[in-house]
Amino acid sequence: HNRKHEAVNIGHDGDISFAEFKSVMTTDYTAIRDRKFYNQKFKNLVGQELRNTRDRRDSLRANLRRLFATLDLDGNGSLDCHELRLLLRRLGVEEKEISLLVASVDTNKDGMISFDEFVSVMFDARA
């Protein structure tokens, strides 16, 4: 058997039951679907904030850089959950959704959003 088969075969009995198959397919699909949904929602929210603070003389990247800098309260070059939480709360996001939104853009799962991750979401780049 190959590694994919073994990963799905939770009971390690050599057969993949319907329950095992369904469990893996639902989890993966749901995670991908939810990540895309929250990624898009984050993009829309930041886009809304960008429209409010935008300087039309500058490029989109320059405006994103300026917005990122205003959100980066401690000036460390990354946005932590607290800094993002302040923005998302101000934009009317419910507390229960904030963590999901942050997780959807934290592509390397370090608990921080780098400028590159921020730009990646806003330009729909695949990280």
Foldseek 3Di string as FASTA:
>chain_A
DDPVVVVLCVVPPSDRDPVSVCVVVCVVVVVVVLLVVLLVVLLVLVVVVLVVVDDVVDDPLVSLVVVQCVLPVVRPQWHALVSQVVSVVVSPDDPVCSVSNQVSQPVVPPRIHHSVSVVCSNVVNDD
